[in-house]
Amino acid sequence: MQPFQVSAPGRVCLFGEHQDYLSLAVIPSAINMRTTISCRESTSGENSILINANDLDKQLNIDLQEAYDYSDPDLAYFQSVVEVFAKHGHFSSLQPFECDVSSQIPIKSGLSSSAALLVAWVKVVATIAGLRLTSQEIGMYAYEAEHDVMGIPCGMMDQLSSAIGGIIHLQCTMPPVITPLSARLKGLIVADTKIHKSTSQVHGIRVKETRSGLENLKQYIDYDIVETPFEKIEPYLQNLDEVEQKRLIAVFRDRDITVASLALLQQKNLDYQAIGALLNDHQMYLRDYFEVSVEKIDTIIQSAIEAGAIGGKLTGAGLGGCVVILAPGKEDAVCQAVTDVDGEPRRVEVAKGVSN
């Protein structure tokens, strides 16, 4: 085989945080922070895949005779993809090879480092197996690996955003409905809080609380989570406990914010002030009703706005990780303001999806 290289981007969620696992719409953007995998023919003489995980300072090995040994959690992401290919009838097409993995995306930061790794790895394995998968198929293979094989209660936003690239509107149904958006937002800044939490842990708790509230709500009103106006649902929320009330207020309000943001992002001339205001509204519901913000996130956003940013919100599961900030023309001042409150800023751009 000829040596080749694959890379896949991280992403920020602009609108629709904690909506994808409810089959609601989301608007993510791929960003120019990428995971890269460089591949070459195996020199070991063994029937295995050798993975040099440079960021972990670790060497991993997948024995193609015993492909599904999940004893090493660092290896699970790679193993799960191989298992997905086997389920789709492509395992016999694999051959031994070696690769080096490196990433610009900090882990547990809300920028989908795991999805970028999975998407890049799916592209690698497909290339080795001689398969021509579409970007959407690559995203869905990666989703299947994380959700079905690894059992992580994630939605499909991260994997599809990384695979397809750009800014997309994604209706998280099965099959998903994907609308690429031509908008190329300027002035995007990612600010790392340096507080890293387990996405699966946060998701697990909020998924349980939200699904419980939605199920209990059915006792009082026959509703459609996508279509029923919040005004019709609101009177019945008082029948739920306080936690469920808060979670559902966030779900339905953020659903409507995502609808409004789509209309703005489809305009030829972007209204940055209106988009920034919706980012701030989204953050308020995530903070006060979904309760996944923390003091440092709030401090970073407030400092950024005081320095000239239009808006900002957490991105990812929350309780740490990163913030996405919209600050066209004020990037330098906002980056300095973030640094001053012990955040780690980085100017980012809308990026293409998985590529080689």
Protein backbone atom coordinates (compact mmCIF):
# COMPACT_ATOMS: atom_id res chain seq x y z
CA MET A 1 0.00 0.00 0.00
CA GLN A 2 1.03 3.57 -0.63
CA PRO A 3 1.38 5.81 2.47
CA PHE A 4 -1.57 8.15 2.99
CA GLN A 5 -2.90 10.66 5.52
CA VAL A 6 -6.40 11.44 6.77
CA SER A 7 -7.62 14.30 8.94
CA ALA A 8 -10.95 15.22 10.51
CA PRO A 9 -12.00 18.45 12.25
CA GLY A 10 -13.33 19.18 15.70
CA ARG A 11 -16.57 21.11 15.94
CA VAL A 12 -18.43 23.71 17.94
CA CYS A 13 -22.16 23.55 18.49
CA LEU A 14 -23.53 26.96 17.58
CA PHE A 15 -27.17 26.16 18.34
CA GLY A 16 -29.02 23.10 19.64
CA GLU A 17 -26.86 22.01 22.58
CA HIS A 18 -28.26 18.86 24.24
CA GLN A 19 -30.86 18.51 21.46
CA ASP A 20 -29.39 15.87 19.17
CA TYR A 21 -30.15 12.88 21.41
CA LEU A 22 -33.80 14.04 21.48
CA SER A 23 -34.07 13.88 17.66
CA LEU A 24 -34.25 17.67 17.48
CA ALA A 25 -32.32 19.99 15.18
CA VAL A 26 -28.80 21.28 15.77
CA ILE A 27 -26.49 23.70 13.98
CA PRO A 28 -22.81 22.76 14.43
CA SER A 29 -19.74 24.11 12.66
CA ALA A 30 -16.58 22.19 11.90
CA ILE A 31 -13.48 24.15 12.95
CA ASN A 32 -9.86 24.15 11.82
CA MET A 33 -8.53 22.13 14.73
CA ARG A 34 -7.96 18.63 13.41
CA THR A 35 -7.02 15.06 14.25
CA THR A 36 -4.57 13.55 11.76
CA ILE A 37 -3.74 9.89 11.07
CA SER A 38 -0.78 8.99 8.88
CA CYS A 39 -0.75 5.41 7.54
CA ARG A 40 1.75 3.10 5.89
CA GLU A 41 2.32 -0.57 5.17
CA SER A 42 3.04 -2.77 8.18
CA THR A 43 6.64 -3.82 8.75
CA SER A 44 6.01 -6.10 11.74
CA GLY A 45 5.06 -9.20 9.79
CA GLU A 46 2.14 -9.71 12.19
CA ASN A 47 -1.54 -9.84 11.32
CA SER A 48 -2.34 -6.69 13.24
CA ILE A 49 -2.86 -2.94 13.09
CA LEU A 50 -0.21 -0.96 14.96
CA ILE A 51 -1.30 2.47 16.22
CA ASN A 52 1.18 5.02 17.55
CA ALA A 53 -1.00 7.30 19.67
CA ASN A 54 1.43 10.19 19.91
CA ASP A 55 -0.67 12.38 22.21
CA LEU A 56 -1.08 9.52 24.67
CA ASP A 57 2.58 8.52 24.31
CA LYS A 58 1.25 5.02 23.86
CA GLN A 59 1.41 2.25 21.28
CA LEU A 60 -1.77 0.31 20.63
CA ASN A 61 -2.21 -2.93 18.72
CA ILE A 62 -5.31 -4.48 17.17
CA ASP A 63 -4.88 -8.20 16.56
CA LEU A 64 -6.92 -8.97 13.45
CA GLN A 65 -7.44 -12.48 14.80
CA GLU A 66 -8.99 -11.18 18.04
CA ALA A 67 -10.34 -7.80 17.05
CA TYR A 68 -12.76 -7.08 19.88
CA ASP A 69 -10.71 -7.04 23.06
CA TYR A 70 -11.93 -3.93 24.95
CA SER A 71 -9.67 -4.32 27.96
CA ASP A 72 -7.74 -1.15 27.09
CA PRO A 73 -10.05 1.92 27.17
CA ASP A 74 -7.62 3.91 25.01
CA LEU A 75 -7.97 1.26 22.34
CA ALA A 76 -11.78 1.13 22.49
CA TYR A 77 -12.36 3.91 19.96
CA PHE A 78 -10.23 2.12 17.38
CA GLN A 79 -11.66 -1.32 18.18
CA SER A 80 -15.26 -0.13 18.01
CA VAL A 81 -14.81 1.12 14.44
CA VAL A 82 -13.27 -2.19 13.37
CA GLU A 83 -16.28 -3.95 14.89
CA VAL A 84 -18.67 -1.72 12.95
CA PHE A 85 -16.91 -2.57 9.70
CA ALA A 86 -17.19 -6.25 10.61
CA LYS A 87 -20.92 -5.86 11.24
CA HIS A 88 -21.25 -4.32 7.79
CA GLY A 89 -19.42 -7.29 6.26
CA HIS A 90 -16.08 -5.63 5.54
CA PHE A 91 -13.77 -7.21 8.11
CA SER A 92 -12.23 -9.66 5.65
CA SER A 93 -11.06 -6.70 3.51
CA LEU A 94 -8.74 -5.39 6.24
CA GLN A 95 -5.00 -5.93 6.08
CA PRO A 96 -2.17 -5.15 8.50
CA PHE A 97 -0.90 -1.57 8.55
CA GLU A 98 0.77 0.97 10.82
CA CYS A 99 -0.29 4.51 11.64
CA ASP A 100 0.56 7.58 13.69
CA VAL A 101 -2.23 9.56 15.38
CA SER A 102 -1.92 13.16 16.53
CA SER A 103 -4.47 15.86 17.32
CA GLN A 104 -4.79 19.61 17.74
CA ILE A 105 -8.06 19.11 19.64
CA PRO A 106 -7.84 19.01 23.46
CA ILE A 107 -9.70 16.07 24.97
CA LYS A 108 -12.78 16.51 27.18
CA SER A 109 -13.09 20.10 26.01
CA GLY A 110 -16.44 20.14 24.21
CA LEU A 111 -14.82 20.28 20.76
CA SER A 112 -15.57 16.66 19.83
CA SER A 113 -12.08 15.25 19.99
CA SER A 114 -13.52 11.73 20.19
CA ALA A 115 -15.77 12.25 17.15
CA ALA A 116 -12.87 13.64 15.12
CA LEU A 117 -10.78 10.61 16.04
CA LEU A 118 -13.58 8.20 15.14
CA VAL A 119 -14.37 9.94 11.85
CA ALA A 120 -10.71 10.02 10.80
CA TRP A 121 -10.31 6.38 11.80
CA VAL A 122 -13.42 5.33 9.83
CA LYS A 123 -11.94 7.05 6.77
CA VAL A 124 -8.64 5.24 7.34
CA VAL A 125 -10.25 1.81 7.71
CA ALA A 126 -12.51 2.43 4.68
CA THR A 127 -9.46 3.37 2.62
CA ILE A 128 -7.59 0.23 3.72
CA ALA A 129 -10.66 -1.90 2.92
CA GLY A 130 -11.05 -0.28 -0.51
CA LEU A 131 -14.46 1.22 0.28
CA ARG A 132 -15.76 4.54 -1.04
CA LEU A 133 -17.99 5.81 1.73
CA THR A 134 -19.75 9.17 1.46
CA SER A 135 -19.06 11.75 4.14
CA GLN A 136 -22.49 11.06 5.63
CA GLU A 137 -21.81 7.32 5.70
CA ILE A 138 -18.48 7.97 7.42
CA GLY A 139 -20.27 10.06 10.06
CA MET A 140 -22.87 7.36 10.64
CA TYR A 141 -20.25 4.60 10.93
CA ALA A 142 -18.52 6.74 13.57
CA TYR A 143 -21.84 7.34 15.36
CA GLU A 144 -22.57 3.62 15.35
CA ALA A 145 -19.15 2.92 16.85
CA GLU A 146 -19.58 5.42 19.69
CA HIS A 147 -23.30 5.03 20.39
CA ASP A 148 -24.02 1.39 19.63
CA VAL A 149 -20.72 -0.41 20.22
CA MET A 150 -19.21 1.71 23.00
CA GLY A 151 -22.59 2.46 24.58
CA ILE A 152 -22.06 6.22 24.99
CA PRO A 153 -25.44 8.05 25.08
CA CYS A 154 -24.43 10.61 22.45
CA GLY A 155 -26.37 12.06 19.55
CA MET A 156 -25.12 12.07 15.96
CA MET A 157 -24.22 15.76 15.72
CA ASP A 158 -20.51 15.43 16.49
CA GLN A 159 -19.73 12.66 14.05
CA LEU A 160 -21.73 14.09 11.15
CA SER A 161 -20.37 17.60 11.69
CA SER A 162 -16.79 16.33 11.62
CA ALA A 163 -17.40 14.15 8.57
CA ILE A 164 -19.33 16.68 6.47
CA GLY A 165 -17.67 19.92 7.54
CA GLY A 166 -18.79 23.53 7.22
CA ILE A 167 -21.88 24.76 9.06
CA ILE A 168 -24.82 22.39 8.76
CA HIS A 169 -28.41 22.23 9.93
CA LEU A 170 -29.00 18.70 11.13
CA GLN A 171 -32.35 17.18 12.00
CA CYS A 172 -31.27 14.30 14.22
CA THR A 173 -33.80 11.77 13.02
CA MET A 174 -33.09 8.36 11.57
CA PRO A 175 -32.13 8.77 8.82
CA PRO A 176 -30.79 12.26 9.57
CA VAL A 177 -31.84 15.24 7.45
CA ILE A 178 -28.80 17.38 6.64
CA THR A 179 -28.81 20.86 5.12
CA PRO A 180 -25.39 22.43 4.44
CA LEU A 181 -25.41 26.18 5.10
CA SER A 182 -23.34 28.60 3.06
CA ALA A 183 -22.79 30.94 6.02
CA ARG A 184 -19.14 31.42 6.97
CA LEU A 185 -19.18 33.19 10.30
CA LYS A 186 -16.26 35.51 10.95
CA GLY A 187 -14.76 36.27 14.32
CA LEU A 188 -15.15 32.86 15.94
CA ILE A 189 -13.06 32.25 19.06
CA VAL A 190 -12.86 29.06 21.09
CA ALA A 191 -11.96 29.60 24.75
CA ASP A 192 -10.86 26.61 26.81
CA THR A 193 -11.86 26.86 30.46
CA LYS A 194 -9.16 24.28 31.32
CA ILE A 195 -11.87 22.44 33.29
CA HIS A 196 -12.26 19.05 31.65
CA LYS A 197 -15.24 16.86 32.48
CA SER A 198 -16.43 13.50 31.20
CA THR A 199 -18.89 14.09 28.37
CA SER A 200 -20.49 10.67 28.86
CA GLN A 201 -21.04 11.35 32.57
CA VAL A 202 -22.71 14.72 31.95
CA HIS A 203 -24.75 13.33 29.09
CA GLY A 204 -25.87 10.32 31.08
CA ILE A 205 -27.36 12.43 33.87
CA ARG A 206 -29.04 15.04 31.64
CA VAL A 207 -30.36 12.45 29.19
CA LYS A 208 -32.02 10.58 32.05
CA GLU A 209 -33.54 13.74 33.56
CA THR A 210 -34.77 15.06 30.23
CA ARG A 211 -36.26 11.81 28.99
CA SER A 212 -38.00 11.32 32.33
CA GLY A 213 -39.55 14.78 32.08
CA LEU A 214 -40.68 14.25 28.49
CA GLU A 215 -42.23 10.89 29.36
CA ASN A 216 -44.06 12.29 32.39
CA LEU A 217 -45.32 15.25 30.34
CA LYS A 218 -47.22 12.80 28.11
CA GLN A 219 -49.60 12.17 31.01
CA TYR A 220 -50.92 15.72 30.70
CA ILE A 221 -50.65 16.72 27.04
CA ASP A 222 -50.36 15.01 23.68
CA TYR A 223 -47.44 16.90 22.16
CA ASP A 224 -44.94 16.74 19.32
CA ILE A 225 -41.44 17.58 20.54
CA VAL A 226 -40.61 19.19 17.18
CA GLU A 227 -43.82 21.07 16.40
CA THR A 228 -45.89 21.81 19.50
CA PRO A 229 -45.47 25.49 20.54
CA PHE A 230 -43.93 26.08 23.95
CA GLU A 231 -46.94 28.23 24.93
CA LYS A 232 -49.18 25.15 24.70
CA ILE A 233 -46.78 23.03 26.72
CA GLU A 234 -45.87 25.54 29.42
CA PRO A 235 -49.06 25.27 31.55
CA TYR A 236 -48.52 21.54 32.01
CA LEU A 237 -44.91 21.78 33.19
CA GLN A 238 -46.08 22.66 36.70
CA ASN A 239 -47.17 19.02 37.07
CA LEU A 240 -43.54 17.89 36.90
CA ASP A 241 -40.90 18.08 39.60
CA GLU A 242 -38.57 21.09 39.66
CA VAL A 243 -35.65 19.42 37.89
CA GLU A 244 -37.85 18.10 35.08
CA GLN A 245 -39.52 21.50 34.69
CA LYS A 246 -36.15 23.20 34.27
CA ARG A 247 -34.84 20.65 31.79
CA LEU A 248 -37.91 20.86 29.58
CA ILE A 249 -38.00 24.66 29.61
CA ALA A 250 -34.43 24.51 28.29
CA VAL A 251 -35.30 21.86 25.70
CA PHE A 252 -38.25 23.71 24.18
CA ARG A 253 -36.79 27.20 24.42
CA ASP A 254 -33.49 26.11 22.88
CA ARG A 255 -35.43 24.24 20.19
CA ASP A 256 -37.07 27.54 19.23
CA ILE A 257 -33.76 29.42 19.39
CA THR A 258 -32.31 26.92 16.91
CA VAL A 259 -35.24 27.48 14.54
CA ALA A 260 -34.72 31.25 14.74
CA SER A 261 -30.97 30.93 14.20
CA LEU A 262 -31.47 28.86 11.06
CA ALA A 263 -33.45 31.69 9.48
CA LEU A 264 -30.65 34.13 10.33
CA LEU A 265 -27.87 31.89 9.02
CA GLN A 266 -29.71 31.42 5.72
CA GLN A 267 -29.72 35.16 5.00
CA LYS A 268 -27.33 36.47 2.37
CA ASN A 269 -26.16 39.28 4.64
CA LEU A 270 -25.62 37.91 8.12
CA ASP A 271 -27.09 39.87 11.03
CA TYR A 272 -24.25 39.32 13.51
CA GLN A 273 -25.96 41.22 16.31
CA ALA A 274 -29.06 39.03 16.10
CA ILE A 275 -26.98 35.84 15.91
CA GLY A 276 -24.96 36.95 18.94
CA ALA A 277 -28.14 37.70 20.89
CA LEU A 278 -29.40 34.18 20.21
CA LEU A 279 -26.09 32.72 21.38
CA ASN A 280 -26.53 34.61 24.65
CA ASP A 281 -30.13 33.43 25.02
CA HIS A 282 -29.05 29.84 24.39
CA GLN A 283 -26.36 30.15 27.05
CA MET A 284 -28.88 31.52 29.56
CA TYR A 285 -31.08 28.44 29.21
CA LEU A 286 -28.07 26.12 29.39
CA ARG A 287 -26.92 27.92 32.55
CA ASP A 288 -30.18 28.52 34.43
CA TYR A 289 -32.41 25.67 33.27
CA PHE A 290 -30.18 22.88 31.98
CA GLU A 291 -27.63 23.72 34.67
CA VAL A 292 -24.52 22.69 32.72
CA SER A 293 -22.59 25.94 33.01
CA VAL A 294 -20.03 26.77 35.68
CA GLU A 295 -18.73 30.03 37.11
CA LYS A 296 -15.64 30.09 34.90
CA ILE A 297 -17.71 29.70 31.74
CA ASP A 298 -19.88 32.64 32.83
CA THR A 299 -16.81 34.72 33.67
CA ILE A 300 -15.18 34.05 30.29
CA ILE A 301 -18.33 34.97 28.38
CA GLN A 302 -18.92 38.13 30.41
CA SER A 303 -15.29 39.24 30.00
CA ALA A 304 -15.46 38.58 26.27
CA ILE A 305 -18.62 40.65 25.89
CA GLU A 306 -17.11 43.50 27.87
CA ALA A 307 -14.15 43.39 25.45
CA GLY A 308 -16.43 43.68 22.40
CA ALA A 309 -17.78 40.20 21.68
CA ILE A 310 -21.38 39.99 20.48
CA GLY A 311 -22.26 36.72 22.15
CA GLY A 312 -21.08 33.37 23.42
CA LYS A 313 -22.12 30.03 24.86
CA LEU A 314 -20.62 26.83 26.15
CA THR A 315 -20.05 24.15 23.54
CA GLY A 316 -20.29 20.47 24.32
CA ALA A 317 -21.86 18.71 27.28
CA GLY A 318 -20.92 21.49 29.70
CA LEU A 319 -19.70 21.70 33.31
CA GLY A 320 -16.35 22.68 31.87
CA GLY A 321 -14.76 22.35 28.46
CA CYS A 322 -14.87 25.20 25.95
CA VAL A 323 -16.85 28.31 25.11
CA VAL A 324 -17.56 29.52 21.56
CA ILE A 325 -17.52 33.29 21.19
CA LEU A 326 -18.62 35.50 18.29
CA ALA A 327 -16.45 38.61 18.05
CA PRO A 328 -15.96 39.85 14.47
CA GLY A 329 -13.42 42.66 14.38
CA LYS A 330 -12.70 42.35 18.11
CA GLU A 331 -10.72 39.14 18.09
CA ASP A 332 -7.49 40.47 19.60
CA ALA A 333 -9.20 42.31 22.46
CA VAL A 334 -11.45 39.37 23.24
CA CYS A 335 -8.57 36.88 23.22
CA GLN A 336 -6.72 39.09 25.68
CA ALA A 337 -9.79 39.37 27.90
CA VAL A 338 -10.16 35.58 27.93
CA THR A 339 -6.48 35.17 28.81
CA ASP A 340 -6.86 37.68 31.65
CA VAL A 341 -9.46 35.44 33.34
CA ASP A 342 -7.30 32.30 32.92
CA GLY A 343 -8.99 31.00 29.80
CA GLU A 344 -7.09 29.72 26.79
CA PRO A 345 -8.36 31.42 23.62
CA ARG A 346 -7.88 30.37 20.02
CA ARG A 347 -9.16 32.06 16.89
CA VAL A 348 -10.82 29.46 14.68
CA GLU A 349 -12.42 29.30 11.25
CA VAL A 350 -15.19 27.24 9.69
CA ALA A 351 -13.44 24.18 8.20
CA LYS A 352 -13.92 21.38 5.70
CA GLY A 353 -14.85 17.89 6.83
CA VAL A 354 -12.87 14.65 6.79
CA SER A 355 -10.27 14.58 4.04
CA ASN A 356 -7.12 12.90 2.77
